[in-house]
Amino acid sequence: IAEALAQAGMPGPFPGPLCFGLPP
């Protein structure tokens, strides 16, 4: 996520939701 945000030029706070796939 940090890499993606740095490339997007959006260091934070991020003005949208987080949708993330995770294992149980």
mmCIF file of all heavy atoms, coordinates in Angstrom:
data_MODEL
# 
_entry.id   MODEL 
# 
loop_
_atom_site.group_PDB 
_atom_site.id 
_atom_site.type_symbol 
_atom_site.label_atom_id 
_atom_site.label_alt_id 
_atom_site.label_comp_id 
_atom_site.label_asym_id 
_atom_site.label_entity_id 
_atom_site.label_seq_id 
_atom_site.pdbx_PDB_ins_code 
_atom_site.Cartn_x 
_atom_site.Cartn_y 
_atom_site.Cartn_z 
_atom_site.occupancy 
_atom_site.B_iso_or_equiv 
_atom_site.pdbx_formal_charge 
_atom_site.auth_seq_id 
_atom_site.auth_comp_id 
_atom_site.auth_asym_id 
_atom_site.auth_atom_id 
_atom_site.pdbx_PDB_model_num 
ATOM 1   N N   . ILE A 1 1  ? 0.834   -1.206  0.000   1.00 0.00 ? 1  ILE A N   1 
ATOM 2   C CA  . ILE A 1 1  ? 0.000   0.000   0.000   1.00 0.00 ? 1  ILE A CA  1 
ATOM 3   C C   . ILE A 1 1  ? 0.864   1.250   0.000   1.00 0.00 ? 1  ILE A C   1 
ATOM 4   O O   . ILE A 1 1  ? 0.592   2.211   -0.735  1.00 0.00 ? 1  ILE A O   1 
ATOM 5   C CB  . ILE A 1 1  ? -0.952  -0.009  1.213   1.00 0.00 ? 1  ILE A CB  1 
ATOM 6   C CG1 . ILE A 1 1  ? -1.979  -1.129  1.075   1.00 0.00 ? 1  ILE A CG1 1 
ATOM 7   C CG2 . ILE A 1 1  ? -1.660  1.341   1.352   1.00 0.00 ? 1  ILE A CG2 1 
ATOM 8   C CD1 . ILE A 1 1  ? -2.833  -1.333  2.318   1.00 0.00 ? 1  ILE A CD1 1 
ATOM 9   N N   . ALA A 1 2  ? 1.917   1.257   0.799   1.00 0.00 ? 2  ALA A N   1 
ATOM 10  C CA  . ALA A 1 2  ? 2.790   2.432   0.855   1.00 0.00 ? 2  ALA A CA  1 
ATOM 11  C C   . ALA A 1 2  ? 3.408   2.705   -0.516  1.00 0.00 ? 2  ALA A C   1 
ATOM 12  O O   . ALA A 1 2  ? 3.506   3.866   -0.948  1.00 0.00 ? 2  ALA A O   1 
ATOM 13  C CB  . ALA A 1 2  ? 3.883   2.221   1.902   1.00 0.00 ? 2  ALA A CB  1 
ATOM 14  N N   . GLU A 1 3  ? 3.829   1.652   -1.219  1.00 0.00 ? 3  GLU A N   1 
ATOM 15  C CA  . GLU A 1 3  ? 4.399   1.847   -2.551  1.00 0.00 ? 3  GLU A CA  1 
ATOM 16  C C   . GLU A 1 3  ? 3.365   2.418   -3.510  1.00 0.00 ? 3  GLU A C   1 
ATOM 17  O O   . GLU A 1 3  ? 3.651   3.350   -4.278  1.00 0.00 ? 3  GLU A O   1 
ATOM 18  C CB  . GLU A 1 3  ? 4.933   0.515   -3.096  1.00 0.00 ? 3  GLU A CB  1 
ATOM 19  C CG  . GLU A 1 3  ? 5.556   0.658   -4.477  1.00 0.00 ? 3  GLU A CG  1 
ATOM 20  C CD  . GLU A 1 3  ? 5.952   -0.666  -5.104  1.00 0.00 ? 3  GLU A CD  1 
ATOM 21  O OE1 . GLU A 1 3  ? 5.572   -1.734  -4.586  1.00 0.00 ? 3  GLU A OE1 1 
ATOM 22  O OE2 . GLU A 1 3  ? 6.645   -0.620  -6.145  1.00 0.00 ? 3  GLU A OE2 1 
ATOM 23  N N   . ALA A 1 4  ? 2.144   1.876   -3.487  1.00 0.00 ? 4  ALA A N   1 
ATOM 24  C CA  . ALA A 1 4  ? 1.099   2.349   -4.390  1.00 0.00 ? 4  ALA A CA  1 
ATOM 25  C C   . ALA A 1 4  ? 0.744   3.809   -4.110  1.00 0.00 ? 4  ALA A C   1 
ATOM 26  O O   . ALA A 1 4  ? 0.578   4.608   -5.040  1.00 0.00 ? 4  ALA A O   1 
ATOM 27  C CB  . ALA A 1 4  ? -0.139  1.469   -4.264  1.00 0.00 ? 4  ALA A CB  1 
ATOM 28  N N   . LEU A 1 5  ? 0.641   4.172   -2.839  1.00 0.00 ? 5  LEU A N   1 
ATOM 29  C CA  . LEU A 1 5  ? 0.300   5.551   -2.480  1.00 0.00 ? 5  LEU A CA  1 
ATOM 30  C C   . LEU A 1 5  ? 1.413   6.518   -2.870  1.00 0.00 ? 5  LEU A C   1 
ATOM 31  O O   . LEU A 1 5  ? 1.147   7.640   -3.318  1.00 0.00 ? 5  LEU A O   1 
ATOM 32  C CB  . LEU A 1 5  ? 0.005   5.649   -0.984  1.00 0.00 ? 5  LEU A CB  1 
ATOM 33  C CG  . LEU A 1 5  ? -1.293  4.997   -0.512  1.00 0.00 ? 5  LEU A CG  1 
ATOM 34  C CD1 . LEU A 1 5  ? -1.396  5.070   1.010   1.00 0.00 ? 5  LEU A CD1 1 
ATOM 35  C CD2 . LEU A 1 5  ? -2.508  5.654   -1.152  1.00 0.00 ? 5  LEU A CD2 1 
ATOM 36  N N   . ALA A 1 6  ? 2.667   6.096   -2.692  1.00 0.00 ? 6  ALA A N   1 
ATOM 37  C CA  . ALA A 1 6  ? 3.784   6.959   -3.072  1.00 0.00 ? 6  ALA A CA  1 
ATOM 38  C C   . ALA A 1 6  ? 3.765   7.219   -4.578  1.00 0.00 ? 6  ALA A C   1 
ATOM 39  O O   . ALA A 1 6  ? 3.975   8.355   -5.030  1.00 0.00 ? 6  ALA A O   1 
ATOM 40  C CB  . ALA A 1 6  ? 5.109   6.318   -2.652  1.00 0.00 ? 6  ALA A CB  1 
ATOM 41  N N   . GLN A 1 7  ? 3.504   6.189   -5.376  1.00 0.00 ? 7  GLN A N   1 
ATOM 42  C CA  . GLN A 1 7  ? 3.447   6.381   -6.823  1.00 0.00 ? 7  GLN A CA  1 
ATOM 43  C C   . GLN A 1 7  ? 2.275   7.279   -7.208  1.00 0.00 ? 7  GLN A C   1 
ATOM 44  O O   . GLN A 1 7  ? 2.377   8.091   -8.134  1.00 0.00 ? 7  GLN A O   1 
ATOM 45  C CB  . GLN A 1 7  ? 3.328   5.037   -7.530  1.00 0.00 ? 7  GLN A CB  1 
ATOM 46  C CG  . GLN A 1 7  ? 3.393   5.164   -9.052  1.00 0.00 ? 7  GLN A CG  1 
ATOM 47  C CD  . GLN A 1 7  ? 3.391   3.821   -9.744  1.00 0.00 ? 7  GLN A CD  1 
ATOM 48  O OE1 . GLN A 1 7  ? 2.757   2.870   -9.280  1.00 0.00 ? 7  GLN A OE1 1 
ATOM 49  N NE2 . GLN A 1 7  ? 4.109   3.718   -10.852 1.00 0.00 ? 7  GLN A NE2 1 
ATOM 50  N N   . ALA A 1 8  ? 1.165   7.153   -6.497  1.00 0.00 ? 8  ALA A N   1 
ATOM 51  C CA  . ALA A 1 8  ? -0.010  7.961   -6.795  1.00 0.00 ? 8  ALA A CA  1 
ATOM 52  C C   . ALA A 1 8  ? 0.128   9.397   -6.311  1.00 0.00 ? 8  ALA A C   1 
ATOM 53  O O   . ALA A 1 8  ? -0.677  10.257  -6.674  1.00 0.00 ? 8  ALA A O   1 
ATOM 54  C CB  . ALA A 1 8  ? -1.246  7.326   -6.170  1.00 0.00 ? 8  ALA A CB  1 
ATOM 55  N N   . GLY A 1 9  ? 1.138   9.668   -5.482  1.00 0.00 ? 9  GLY A N   1 
ATOM 56  C CA  . GLY A 1 9  ? 1.301   11.005  -4.931  1.00 0.00 ? 9  GLY A CA  1 
ATOM 57  C C   . GLY A 1 9  ? 0.250   11.335  -3.896  1.00 0.00 ? 9  GLY A C   1 
ATOM 58  O O   . GLY A 1 9  ? -0.201  12.481  -3.793  1.00 0.00 ? 9  GLY A O   1 
ATOM 59  N N   . MET A 1 10 ? -0.150  10.334  -3.091  1.00 0.00 ? 10 MET A N   1 
ATOM 60  C CA  . MET A 1 10 ? -1.181  10.516  -2.062  1.00 0.00 ? 10 MET A CA  1 
ATOM 61  C C   . MET A 1 10 ? -0.648  9.979   -0.735  1.00 0.00 ? 10 MET A C   1 
ATOM 62  O O   . MET A 1 10 ? -1.001  8.885   -0.304  1.00 0.00 ? 10 MET A O   1 
ATOM 63  C CB  . MET A 1 10 ? -2.471  9.798   -2.468  1.00 0.00 ? 10 MET A CB  1 
ATOM 64  C CG  . MET A 1 10 ? -3.023  10.251  -3.812  1.00 0.00 ? 10 MET A CG  1 
ATOM 65  S SD  . MET A 1 10 ? -4.516  9.354   -4.317  1.00 0.00 ? 10 MET A SD  1 
ATOM 66  C CE  . MET A 1 10 ? -5.750  10.155  -3.282  1.00 0.00 ? 10 MET A CE  1 
ATOM 67  N N   . PRO A 1 11 ? 0.219   10.737  -0.066  1.00 0.00 ? 11 PRO A N   1 
ATOM 68  C CA  . PRO A 1 11 ? 0.874   10.227  1.132   1.00 0.00 ? 11 PRO A CA  1 
ATOM 69  C C   . PRO A 1 11 ? -0.054  10.043  2.325   1.00 0.00 ? 11 PRO A C   1 
ATOM 70  O O   . PRO A 1 11 ? 0.287   9.324   3.259   1.00 0.00 ? 11 PRO A O   1 
ATOM 71  C CB  . PRO A 1 11 ? 1.944   11.285  1.421   1.00 0.00 ? 11 PRO A CB  1 
ATOM 72  C CG  . PRO A 1 11 ? 1.395   12.539  0.821   1.00 0.00 ? 11 PRO A CG  1 
ATOM 73  C CD  . PRO A 1 11 ? 0.657   12.105  -0.418  1.00 0.00 ? 11 PRO A CD  1 
ATOM 74  N N   . GLY A 1 12 ? -1.198  10.691  2.328   1.00 0.00 ? 12 GLY A N   1 
ATOM 75  C CA  . GLY A 1 12 ? -2.141  10.517  3.431   1.00 0.00 ? 12 GLY A CA  1 
ATOM 76  C C   . GLY A 1 12 ? -2.416  11.816  4.160   1.00 0.00 ? 12 GLY A C   1 
ATOM 77  O O   . GLY A 1 12 ? -1.677  12.782  3.988   1.00 0.00 ? 12 GLY A O   1 
ATOM 78  N N   . PRO A 1 13 ? -3.496  11.834  4.954   1.00 0.00 ? 13 PRO A N   1 
ATOM 79  C CA  . PRO A 1 13 ? -4.487  10.770  5.086   1.00 0.00 ? 13 PRO A CA  1 
ATOM 80  C C   . PRO A 1 13 ? -5.156  10.475  3.753   1.00 0.00 ? 13 PRO A C   1 
ATOM 81  O O   . PRO A 1 13 ? -5.355  11.370  2.942   1.00 0.00 ? 13 PRO A O   1 
ATOM 82  C CB  . PRO A 1 13 ? -5.494  11.325  6.094   1.00 0.00 ? 13 PRO A CB  1 
ATOM 83  C CG  . PRO A 1 13 ? -4.800  12.471  6.768   1.00 0.00 ? 13 PRO A CG  1 
ATOM 84  C CD  . PRO A 1 13 ? -3.826  13.018  5.782   1.00 0.00 ? 13 PRO A CD  1 
ATOM 85  N N   . PHE A 1 14 ? -5.526  9.212   3.555   1.00 0.00 ? 14 PHE A N   1 
ATOM 86  C CA  . PHE A 1 14 ? -6.102  8.822   2.268   1.00 0.00 ? 14 PHE A CA  1 
ATOM 87  C C   . PHE A 1 14 ? -7.598  9.112   2.277   1.00 0.00 ? 14 PHE A C   1 
ATOM 88  O O   . PHE A 1 14 ? -8.324  8.629   3.168   1.00 0.00 ? 14 PHE A O   1 
ATOM 89  C CB  . PHE A 1 14 ? -5.857  7.340   1.996   1.00 0.00 ? 14 PHE A CB  1 
ATOM 90  C CG  . PHE A 1 14 ? -6.321  6.912   0.632   1.00 0.00 ? 14 PHE A CG  1 
ATOM 91  C CD1 . PHE A 1 14 ? -5.557  7.199   -0.489  1.00 0.00 ? 14 PHE A CD1 1 
ATOM 92  C CD2 . PHE A 1 14 ? -7.525  6.247   0.465   1.00 0.00 ? 14 PHE A CD2 1 
ATOM 93  C CE1 . PHE A 1 14 ? -5.990  6.826   -1.761  1.00 0.00 ? 14 PHE A CE1 1 
ATOM 94  C CE2 . PHE A 1 14 ? -7.965  5.872   -0.790  1.00 0.00 ? 14 PHE A CE2 1 
ATOM 95  C CZ  . PHE A 1 14 ? -7.191  6.162   -1.910  1.00 0.00 ? 14 PHE A CZ  1 
ATOM 96  N N   . PRO A 1 15 ? -8.108  9.840   1.289   1.00 0.00 ? 15 PRO A N   1 
ATOM 97  C CA  . PRO A 1 15 ? -9.497  10.297  1.328   1.00 0.00 ? 15 PRO A CA  1 
ATOM 98  C C   . PRO A 1 15 ? -10.516 9.322   0.767   1.00 0.00 ? 15 PRO A C   1 
ATOM 99  O O   . PRO A 1 15 ? -11.500 9.716   0.132   1.00 0.00 ? 15 PRO A O   1 
ATOM 100 C CB  . PRO A 1 15 ? -9.438  11.569  0.466   1.00 0.00 ? 15 PRO A CB  1 
ATOM 101 C CG  . PRO A 1 15 ? -8.389  11.277  -0.551  1.00 0.00 ? 15 PRO A CG  1 
ATOM 102 C CD  . PRO A 1 15 ? -7.355  10.444  0.172   1.00 0.00 ? 15 PRO A CD  1 
ATOM 103 N N   . GLY A 1 16 ? -10.293 8.032   0.963   1.00 0.00 ? 16 GLY A N   1 
ATOM 104 C CA  . GLY A 1 16 ? -11.217 7.023   0.458   1.00 0.00 ? 16 GLY A CA  1 
ATOM 105 C C   . GLY A 1 16 ? -11.109 5.759   1.272   1.00 0.00 ? 16 GLY A C   1 
ATOM 106 O O   . GLY A 1 16 ? -10.302 5.658   2.207   1.00 0.00 ? 16 GLY A O   1 
ATOM 107 N N   . PRO A 1 17 ? -11.912 4.738   0.940   1.00 0.00 ? 17 PRO A N   1 
ATOM 108 C CA  . PRO A 1 17 ? -11.930 3.506   1.739   1.00 0.00 ? 17 PRO A CA  1 
ATOM 109 C C   . PRO A 1 17 ? -10.804 2.541   1.380   1.00 0.00 ? 17 PRO A C   1 
ATOM 110 O O   . PRO A 1 17 ? -10.162 2.656   0.338   1.00 0.00 ? 17 PRO A O   1 
ATOM 111 C CB  . PRO A 1 17 ? -13.285 2.892   1.375   1.00 0.00 ? 17 PRO A CB  1 
ATOM 112 C CG  . PRO A 1 17 ? -13.519 3.342   -0.036  1.00 0.00 ? 17 PRO A CG  1 
ATOM 113 C CD  . PRO A 1 17 ? -12.929 4.735   -0.124  1.00 0.00 ? 17 PRO A CD  1 
ATOM 114 N N   . LEU A 1 18 ? -10.608 1.560   2.268   1.00 0.00 ? 18 LEU A N   1 
ATOM 115 C CA  . LEU A 1 18 ? -9.698  0.438   2.044   1.00 0.00 ? 18 LEU A CA  1 
ATOM 116 C C   . LEU A 1 18 ? -10.541 -0.802  1.795   1.00 0.00 ? 18 LEU A C   1 
ATOM 117 O O   . LEU A 1 18 ? -11.413 -1.141  2.598   1.00 0.00 ? 18 LEU A O   1 
ATOM 118 C CB  . LEU A 1 18 ? -8.802  0.217   3.256   1.00 0.00 ? 18 LEU A CB  1 
ATOM 119 C CG  . LEU A 1 18 ? -7.947  -1.064  3.239   1.00 0.00 ? 18 LEU A CG  1 
ATOM 120 C CD1 . LEU A 1 18 ? -6.833  -0.952  2.211   1.00 0.00 ? 18 LEU A CD1 1 
ATOM 121 C CD2 . LEU A 1 18 ? -7.361  -1.350  4.615   1.00 0.00 ? 18 LEU A CD2 1 
ATOM 122 N N   . CYS A 1 19 ? -10.282 -1.496  0.682   1.00 0.00 ? 19 CYS A N   1 
ATOM 123 C CA  . CYS A 1 19 ? -10.919 -2.776  0.365   1.00 0.00 ? 19 CYS A CA  1 
ATOM 124 C C   . CYS A 1 19 ? -9.797  -3.781  0.171   1.00 0.00 ? 19 CYS A C   1 
ATOM 125 O O   . CYS A 1 19 ? -9.010  -3.652  -0.774  1.00 0.00 ? 19 CYS A O   1 
ATOM 126 C CB  . CYS A 1 19 ? -11.772 -2.662  -0.895  1.00 0.00 ? 19 CYS A CB  1 
ATOM 127 S SG  . CYS A 1 19 ? -13.001 -1.332  -0.874  1.00 0.00 ? 19 CYS A SG  1 
ATOM 128 N N   . PHE A 1 20 ? -9.718  -4.782  1.029   1.00 0.00 ? 20 PHE A N   1 
ATOM 129 C CA  . PHE A 1 20 ? -8.519  -5.621  1.034   1.00 0.00 ? 20 PHE A CA  1 
ATOM 130 C C   . PHE A 1 20 ? -8.886  -7.079  1.213   1.00 0.00 ? 20 PHE A C   1 
ATOM 131 O O   . PHE A 1 20 ? -9.661  -7.458  2.100   1.00 0.00 ? 20 PHE A O   1 
ATOM 132 C CB  . PHE A 1 20 ? -7.597  -5.175  2.174   1.00 0.00 ? 20 PHE A CB  1 
ATOM 133 C CG  . PHE A 1 20 ? -6.133  -5.206  1.818   1.00 0.00 ? 20 PHE A CG  1 
ATOM 134 C CD1 . PHE A 1 20 ? -5.618  -4.361  0.844   1.00 0.00 ? 20 PHE A CD1 1 
ATOM 135 C CD2 . PHE A 1 20 ? -5.276  -6.084  2.445   1.00 0.00 ? 20 PHE A CD2 1 
ATOM 136 C CE1 . PHE A 1 20 ? -4.275  -4.376  0.502   1.00 0.00 ? 20 PHE A CE1 1 
ATOM 137 C CE2 . PHE A 1 20 ? -3.917  -6.108  2.117   1.00 0.00 ? 20 PHE A CE2 1 
ATOM 138 C CZ  . PHE A 1 20 ? -3.422  -5.255  1.141   1.00 0.00 ? 20 PHE A CZ  1 
ATOM 139 N N   . GLY A 1 21 ? -8.317  -7.925  0.347   1.00 0.00 ? 21 GLY A N   1 
ATOM 140 C CA  . GLY A 1 21 ? -8.496  -9.365  0.453   1.00 0.00 ? 21 GLY A CA  1 
ATOM 141 C C   . GLY A 1 21 ? -7.521  -9.955  1.451   1.00 0.00 ? 21 GLY A C   1 
ATOM 142 O O   . GLY A 1 21 ? -6.321  -9.700  1.377   1.00 0.00 ? 21 GLY A O   1 
ATOM 143 N N   . LEU A 1 22 ? -8.040  -10.753 2.366   1.00 0.00 ? 22 LEU A N   1 
ATOM 144 C CA  . LEU A 1 22 ? -7.220  -11.345 3.424   1.00 0.00 ? 22 LEU A CA  1 
ATOM 145 C C   . LEU A 1 22 ? -7.645  -12.789 3.674   1.00 0.00 ? 22 LEU A C   1 
ATOM 146 O O   . LEU A 1 22 ? -8.827  -13.119 3.550   1.00 0.00 ? 22 LEU A O   1 
ATOM 147 C CB  . LEU A 1 22 ? -7.361  -10.548 4.728   1.00 0.00 ? 22 LEU A CB  1 
ATOM 148 C CG  . LEU A 1 22 ? -6.766  -9.141  4.724   1.00 0.00 ? 22 LEU A CG  1 
ATOM 149 C CD1 . LEU A 1 22 ? -7.277  -8.344  5.916   1.00 0.00 ? 22 LEU A CD1 1 
ATOM 150 C CD2 . LEU A 1 22 ? -5.245  -9.193  4.742   1.00 0.00 ? 22 LEU A CD2 1 
ATOM 151 N N   . PRO A 1 23 ? -6.706  -13.652 4.046   1.00 0.00 ? 23 PRO A N   1 
ATOM 152 C CA  . PRO A 1 23 ? -7.057  -15.040 4.345   1.00 0.00 ? 23 PRO A CA  1 
ATOM 153 C C   . PRO A 1 23 ? -7.615  -15.164 5.763   1.00 0.00 ? 23 PRO A C   1 
ATOM 154 O O   . PRO A 1 23 ? -7.330  -14.320 6.624   1.00 0.00 ? 23 PRO A O   1 
ATOM 155 C CB  . PRO A 1 23 ? -5.716  -15.762 4.231   1.00 0.00 ? 23 PRO A CB  1 
ATOM 156 C CG  . PRO A 1 23 ? -4.718  -14.726 4.664   1.00 0.00 ? 23 PRO A CG  1 
ATOM 157 C CD  . PRO A 1 23 ? -5.254  -13.408 4.163   1.00 0.00 ? 23 PRO A CD  1 
ATOM 158 N N   . PRO A 1 24 ? -8.391  -16.208 6.037   1.00 0.00 ? 24 PRO A N   1 
ATOM 159 C CA  . PRO A 1 24 ? -8.947  -16.395 7.389   1.00 0.00 ? 24 PRO A CA  1 
ATOM 160 C C   . PRO A 1 24 ? -7.929  -17.037 8.322   1.00 0.00 ? 24 PRO A C   1 
ATOM 161 O O   . PRO A 1 24 ? -8.153  -18.109 8.895   1.00 0.00 ? 24 PRO A O   1 
ATOM 162 C CB  . PRO A 1 24 ? -10.143 -17.314 7.125   1.00 0.00 ? 24 PRO A CB  1 
ATOM 163 C CG  . PRO A 1 24 ? -9.709  -18.132 5.949   1.00 0.00 ? 24 PRO A CG  1 
ATOM 164 C CD  . PRO A 1 24 ? -8.893  -17.217 5.080   1.00 0.00 ? 24 PRO A CD  1 
# 
